[in-house]
PDB file of N, CA and C in Angstrom:
ATOM      1  N   MET A   1     -10.585  -0.414  -1.072  1.00  0.00           N
ATOM      2  CA  MET A   1      -9.738  -0.684  -0.507  1.00  0.00           C
ATOM      3  C   MET A   1      -8.402  -1.155  -1.739  1.00  0.00           C
ATOM      4  N   ILE A   2      -7.107  -1.518  -1.155  1.00  0.00           N
ATOM      5  CA  ILE A   2      -6.023  -1.868  -2.124  1.00  0.00           C
ATOM      6  C   ILE A   2      -5.384  -3.868  -1.816  1.00  0.00           C
ATOM      7  N   GLU A   3      -5.112  -4.244  -2.146  1.00  0.00           N
ATOM      8  CA  GLU A   3      -5.139  -5.956  -1.828  1.00  0.00           C
ATOM      9  C   GLU A   3      -3.449  -5.271  -2.188  1.00  0.00           C
ATOM     10  N   VAL A   4      -2.387  -6.101  -0.842  1.00  0.00           N
ATOM     11  CA  VAL A   4      -0.782  -5.805  -0.781  1.00  0.00           C
ATOM     12  C   VAL A   4      -0.242  -7.509  -0.530  1.00  0.00           C
ATOM     13  N   THR A   5       0.657  -7.532  -0.413  1.00  0.00           N
ATOM     14  CA  THR A   5       1.205  -8.415  -0.413  1.00  0.00           C
ATOM     15  C   THR A   5       1.820  -8.665   0.920  1.00  0.00           C
ATOM     16  N   ARG A   6       2.354  -9.381   2.316  1.00  0.00           N
ATOM     17  CA  ARG A   6       3.178  -9.095   3.581  1.00  0.00           C
ATOM     18  C   ARG A   6       4.695 -10.618   2.786  1.00  0.00           C
ATOM     19  N   LEU A   7       4.958  -9.800   3.669  1.00  0.00           N
ATOM     20  CA  LEU A   7       6.702 -10.735   3.034  1.00  0.00           C
ATOM     21  C   LEU A   7       6.401 -12.575   3.179  1.00  0.00           C
ATOM     22  N   ASN A   8       5.496 -13.025   3.724  1.00  0.00           N
ATOM     23  CA  ASN A   8       5.188 -13.791   4.229  1.00  0.00           C
ATOM     24  C   ASN A   8       4.182 -14.471   3.380  1.00  0.00           C
ATOM     25  N   GLY A   9       3.675 -13.109   2.256  1.00  0.00           N
ATOM     26  CA  GLY A   9       3.046 -13.794   1.642  1.00  0.00           C
ATOM     27  C   GLY A   9       1.458 -13.849   1.702  1.00  0.00           C
ATOM     28  N   THR A  10       1.149 -13.455   3.014  1.00  0.00           N
ATOM     29  CA  THR A  10      -0.127 -13.846   2.970  1.00  0.00           C
ATOM     30  C   THR A  10      -0.847 -12.216   2.429  1.00  0.00           C
ATOM     31  N   LYS A  11      -1.898 -12.684   1.795  1.00  0.00           N
ATOM     32  CA  LYS A  11      -2.710 -11.234   1.276  1.00  0.00           C
ATOM     33  C   LYS A  11      -2.813 -10.414   1.998  1.00  0.00           C
ATOM     34  N   ILE A  12      -2.967  -8.922   2.112  1.00  0.00           N
ATOM     35  CA  ILE A  12      -3.888  -8.162   2.994  1.00  0.00           C
ATOM     36  C   ILE A  12      -5.201  -7.079   2.173  1.00  0.00           C
ATOM     37  N   LEU A  13      -6.160  -6.322   2.383  1.00  0.00           N
ATOM     38  CA  LEU A  13      -7.192  -5.164   2.058  1.00  0.00           C
ATOM     39  C   LEU A  13      -6.154  -4.464   3.064  1.00  0.00           C
ATOM     40  N   ILE A  14      -5.559  -3.005   2.653  1.00  0.00           N
ATOM     41  CA  ILE A  14      -5.788  -1.885   3.397  1.00  0.00           C
ATOM     42  C   ILE A  14      -6.270  -0.980   2.173  1.00  0.00           C
ATOM     43  N   ASN A  15      -6.810  -0.200   3.922  1.00  0.00           N
ATOM     44  CA  ASN A  15      -7.412   1.527   3.074  1.00  0.00           C
ATOM     45  C   ASN A  15      -6.257   2.749   2.585  1.00  0.00           C
ATOM     46  N   PRO A  16      -5.946   2.859   1.397  1.00  0.00           N
ATOM     47  CA  PRO A  16      -5.556   3.337   1.361  1.00  0.00           C
ATOM     48  C   PRO A  16      -5.911   5.065   0.998  1.00  0.00           C
ATOM     49  N   ASP A  17      -6.620   5.619   1.700  1.00  0.00           N
ATOM     50  CA  ASP A  17      -6.719   6.564   2.090  1.00  0.00           C
ATOM     51  C   ASP A  17      -6.032   7.200   3.485  1.00  0.00           C
ATOM     52  N   LEU A  18      -6.076   6.287   3.775  1.00  0.00           N
ATOM     53  CA  LEU A  18      -4.560   5.866   5.546  1.00  0.00           C
ATOM     54  C   LEU A  18      -3.471   5.977   5.249  1.00  0.00           C
ATOM     55  N   ILE A  19      -2.597   6.329   3.542  1.00  0.00           N
ATOM     56  CA  ILE A  19      -1.385   6.213   3.809  1.00  0.00           C
ATOM     57  C   ILE A  19      -1.265   6.995   3.965  1.00  0.00           C
ATOM     58  N   GLU A  20      -0.085   7.031   4.685  1.00  0.00           N
ATOM     59  CA  GLU A  20       1.015   8.943   4.195  1.00  0.00           C
ATOM     60  C   GLU A  20       2.472   8.240   3.298  1.00  0.00           C
ATOM     61  N   LEU A  21       3.167   7.150   3.781  1.00  0.00           N
ATOM     62  CA  LEU A  21       4.309   7.535   3.011  1.00  0.00           C
ATOM     63  C   LEU A  21       4.419   6.093   2.634  1.00  0.00           C
ATOM     64  N   VAL A  22       5.320   6.284   1.726  1.00  0.00           N
ATOM     65  CA  VAL A  22       5.415   4.781   0.837  1.00  0.00           C
ATOM     66  C   VAL A  22       7.099   4.936   0.146  1.00  0.00           C
ATOM     67  N   GLU A  23       8.150   3.581   1.380  1.00  0.00           N
ATOM     68  CA  GLU A  23       9.494   3.720   1.328  1.00  0.00           C
ATOM     69  C   GLU A  23      10.158   3.112   1.005  1.00  0.00           C
ATOM     70  N   GLU A  24      11.298   2.980  -0.086  1.00  0.00           N
ATOM     71  CA  GLU A  24      11.842   0.960  -0.554  1.00  0.00           C
ATOM     72  C   GLU A  24      13.465   1.603   0.401  1.00  0.00           C
ATOM     73  N   THR A  25      13.202   0.889   0.843  1.00  0.00           N
ATOM     74  CA  THR A  25      14.464   0.314   2.073  1.00  0.00           C
ATOM     75  C   THR A  25      15.426  -1.077   1.942  1.00  0.00           C
ATOM     76  N   PRO A  26      15.782  -1.474   0.627  1.00  0.00           N
ATOM     77  CA  PRO A  26      15.337  -1.714  -0.325  1.00  0.00           C
ATOM     78  C   PRO A  26      13.685  -2.534  -0.175  1.00  0.00           C
ATOM     79  N   ASP A  27      12.999  -2.664   0.763  1.00  0.00           N
ATOM     80  CA  ASP A  27      11.841  -3.436   1.611  1.00  0.00           C
ATOM     81  C   ASP A  27      11.258  -2.286   1.250  1.00  0.00           C
ATOM     82  N   THR A  28       9.756  -2.562   0.817  1.00  0.00           N
ATOM     83  CA  THR A  28       8.461  -1.584   0.300  1.00  0.00           C
ATOM     84  C   THR A  28       7.802  -1.824   2.102  1.00  0.00           C
ATOM     85  N   VAL A  29       7.755  -0.411   2.103  1.00  0.00           N
ATOM     86  CA  VAL A  29       7.418   0.569   4.024  1.00  0.00           C
ATOM     87  C   VAL A  29       6.361   1.158   3.813  1.00  0.00           C
ATOM     88  N   ILE A  30       5.372   0.533   4.319  1.00  0.00           N
ATOM     89  CA  ILE A  30       4.061   1.911   4.331  1.00  0.00           C
ATOM     90  C   ILE A  30       3.705   2.381   5.313  1.00  0.00           C
ATOM     91  N   SER A  31       3.691   3.512   5.329  1.00  0.00           N
ATOM     92  CA  SER A  31       3.131   4.476   6.908  1.00  0.00           C
ATOM     93  C   SER A  31       2.136   4.640   6.868  1.00  0.00           C
ATOM     94  N   PHE A  32       1.320   4.575   7.752  1.00  0.00           N
ATOM     95  CA  PHE A  32      -0.303   4.761   7.851  1.00  0.00           C
ATOM     96  C   PHE A  32      -0.355   5.938   8.963  1.00  0.00           C
ATOM     97  N   THR A  33      -1.248   6.945   8.360  1.00  0.00           N
ATOM     98  CA  THR A  33      -1.590   7.862   9.568  1.00  0.00           C
ATOM     99  C   THR A  33      -1.154   7.128  11.412  1.00  0.00           C
ATOM    100  N   THR A  34      -1.959   6.361  11.070  1.00  0.00           N
ATOM    101  CA  THR A  34      -2.141   5.683  12.757  1.00  0.00           C
ATOM    102  C   THR A  34      -1.461   5.584  13.161  1.00  0.00           C
ATOM    103  N   GLY A  35       0.488   5.505  12.449  1.00  0.00           N
ATOM    104  CA  GLY A  35       1.256   4.849  13.677  1.00  0.00           C
ATOM    105  C   GLY A  35       1.772   3.722  13.054  1.00  0.00           C
ATOM    106  N   ARG A  36       0.472   3.245  12.474  1.00  0.00           N
ATOM    107  CA  ARG A  36       0.852   1.749  12.375  1.00  0.00           C
ATOM    108  C   ARG A  36       1.628   2.025  10.391  1.00  0.00           C
ATOM    109  N   LYS A  37       2.930   0.713  10.789  1.00  0.00           N
ATOM    110  CA  LYS A  37       3.838   0.980   9.241  1.00  0.00           C
ATOM    111  C   LYS A  37       4.257  -1.163   9.005  1.00  0.00           C
ATOM    112  N   ILE A  38       3.028  -0.792   7.621  1.00  0.00           N
ATOM    113  CA  ILE A  38       3.503  -2.364   7.572  1.00  0.00           C
ATOM    114  C   ILE A  38       4.438  -3.198   5.998  1.00  0.00           C
ATOM    115  N   ILE A  39       5.183  -3.210   5.998  1.00  0.00           N
ATOM    116  CA  ILE A  39       6.059  -4.327   4.604  1.00  0.00           C
ATOM    117  C   ILE A  39       5.375  -5.224   4.176  1.00  0.00           C
ATOM    118  N   VAL A  40       5.550  -4.583   2.688  1.00  0.00           N
ATOM    119  CA  VAL A  40       5.609  -5.494   1.914  1.00  0.00           C
ATOM    120  C   VAL A  40       6.108  -5.929   0.332  1.00  0.00           C
ATOM    121  N   LYS A  41       6.044  -7.067  -0.507  1.00  0.00           N
ATOM    122  CA  LYS A  41       6.541  -7.742  -1.234  1.00  0.00           C
ATOM    123  C   LYS A  41       5.869  -6.219  -2.738  1.00  0.00           C
ATOM    124  N   GLU A  42       5.527  -6.004  -2.803  1.00  0.00           N
ATOM    125  CA  GLU A  42       4.623  -4.692  -3.933  1.00  0.00           C
ATOM    126  C   GLU A  42       5.966  -3.725  -4.098  1.00  0.00           C
ATOM    127  N   SER A  43       6.207  -2.959  -5.181  1.00  0.00           N
ATOM    128  CA  SER A  43       7.264  -1.551  -5.149  1.00  0.00           C
ATOM    129  C   SER A  43       6.668  -0.891  -4.721  1.00  0.00           C
ATOM    130  N   ARG A  44       7.366   0.401  -4.088  1.00  0.00           N
ATOM    131  CA  ARG A  44       6.514   1.735  -4.281  1.00  0.00           C
ATOM    132  C   ARG A  44       5.652   1.951  -5.914  1.00  0.00           C
ATOM    133  N   GLN A  45       6.038   1.460  -7.096  1.00  0.00           N
ATOM    134  CA  GLN A  45       5.647   2.016  -7.975  1.00  0.00           C
ATOM    135  C   GLN A  45       4.721   0.404  -8.240  1.00  0.00           C
ATOM    136  N   GLU A  46       4.256   0.486  -7.941  1.00  0.00           N
ATOM    137  CA  GLU A  46       3.240  -0.764  -7.855  1.00  0.00           C
ATOM    138  C   GLU A  46       2.352  -0.199  -6.784  1.00  0.00           C
ATOM    139  N   ILE A  47       2.159   0.254  -5.463  1.00  0.00           N
ATOM    140  CA  ILE A  47       1.932   0.428  -4.148  1.00  0.00           C
ATOM    141  C   ILE A  47       0.866   2.448  -4.818  1.00  0.00           C
ATOM    142  N   LYS A  48       1.833   3.005  -5.956  1.00  0.00           N
ATOM    143  CA  LYS A  48       1.267   4.699  -6.149  1.00  0.00           C
ATOM    144  C   LYS A  48       0.297   4.008  -7.618  1.00  0.00           C
ATOM    145  N   ASN A  49       0.716   3.164  -8.119  1.00  0.00           N
ATOM    146  CA  ASN A  49      -0.359   1.871  -9.583  1.00  0.00           C
ATOM    147  C   ASN A  49      -1.839   1.821  -8.995  1.00  0.00           C
ATOM    148  N   LEU A  50      -1.756   1.189  -8.080  1.00  0.00           N
ATOM    149  CA  LEU A  50      -2.879   0.592  -6.852  1.00  0.00           C
ATOM    150  C   LEU A  50      -4.102   1.187  -6.003  1.00  0.00           C
ATOM    151  N   VAL A  51      -3.401   2.660  -5.995  1.00  0.00           N
ATOM    152  CA  VAL A  51      -4.348   2.948  -5.456  1.00  0.00           C
ATOM    153  C   VAL A  51      -4.413   4.447  -6.392  1.00  0.00           C
ATOM    154  N   LYS A  52      -4.053   4.792  -7.491  1.00  0.00           N
ATOM    155  CA  LYS A  52      -4.350   5.287  -8.637  1.00  0.00           C
ATOM    156  C   LYS A  52      -5.824   4.987  -9.477  1.00  0.00           C
ATOM    157  N   LEU A  53      -5.232   3.278  -9.522  1.00  0.00           N
ATOM    158  CA  LEU A  53      -6.424   2.745  -9.606  1.00  0.00           C
ATOM    159  C   LEU A  53      -7.923   2.855  -8.685  1.00  0.00           C
ATOM    160  N   TYR A  54      -7.352   2.702  -7.818  1.00  0.00           N
ATOM    161  CA  TYR A  54      -8.519   2.429  -6.312  1.00  0.00           C
ATOM    162  C   TYR A  54      -9.380   3.708  -6.525  1.00  0.00           C
ATOM    163  N   ARG A  55      -8.835   4.940  -6.456  1.00  0.00           N
ATOM    164  CA  ARG A  55      -8.923   6.337  -6.726  1.00  0.00           C
ATOM    165  C   ARG A  55     -10.092   6.677  -8.280  1.00  0.00           C
ATOM    166  N   LYS A  56      -9.095   6.736  -8.988  1.00  0.00           N
ATOM    167  CA  LYS A  56     -10.224   5.971 -10.742  1.00  0.00           C
ATOM    168  C   LYS A  56     -11.697   5.624 -10.070  1.00  0.00           C
ATOM    169  N   ASP A  57     -11.884   4.388  -9.761  1.00  0.00           N
ATOM    170  CA  ASP A  57     -12.502   3.331  -9.941  1.00  0.00           C
ATOM    171  C   ASP A  57     -13.769   4.200  -9.070  1.00  0.00           C
ATOM    172  N   ILE A  58     -13.471   4.282  -7.931  1.00  0.00           N
ATOM    173  CA  ILE A  58     -13.736   5.047  -6.989  1.00  0.00           C
ATOM    174  C   ILE A  58     -14.466   6.701  -7.355  1.00  0.00           C
ATOM    175  N   PHE A  59     -14.175   7.298  -7.889  1.00  0.00           N
ATOM    176  CA  PHE A  59     -14.796   8.809  -8.867  1.00  0.00           C
ATOM    177  C   PHE A  59     -14.824   8.805  -9.602  1.00  0.00           C
ATOM    178  N   THR A  60     -15.358   7.649 -10.498  1.00  0.00           N
ATOM    179  CA  THR A  60     -16.137   7.258 -12.266  1.00  0.00           C
ATOM    180  C   THR A  60     -17.533   6.628 -11.929  1.00  0.00           C
TER     181      THR A  60
END
């Protein structure tokens, strides 16, 4: 799980395996394979780095 911050400041954990798409429009919108979408404070690049760290941690 990776931790992200909603626009209201609430921190949540999401399953990066369910991420389908990350867009900056200019807010960062994460779309999941389930059809759900959330808007977060982190940038697209930050989300990418969090997912890479998560995968690195899992596979080492």
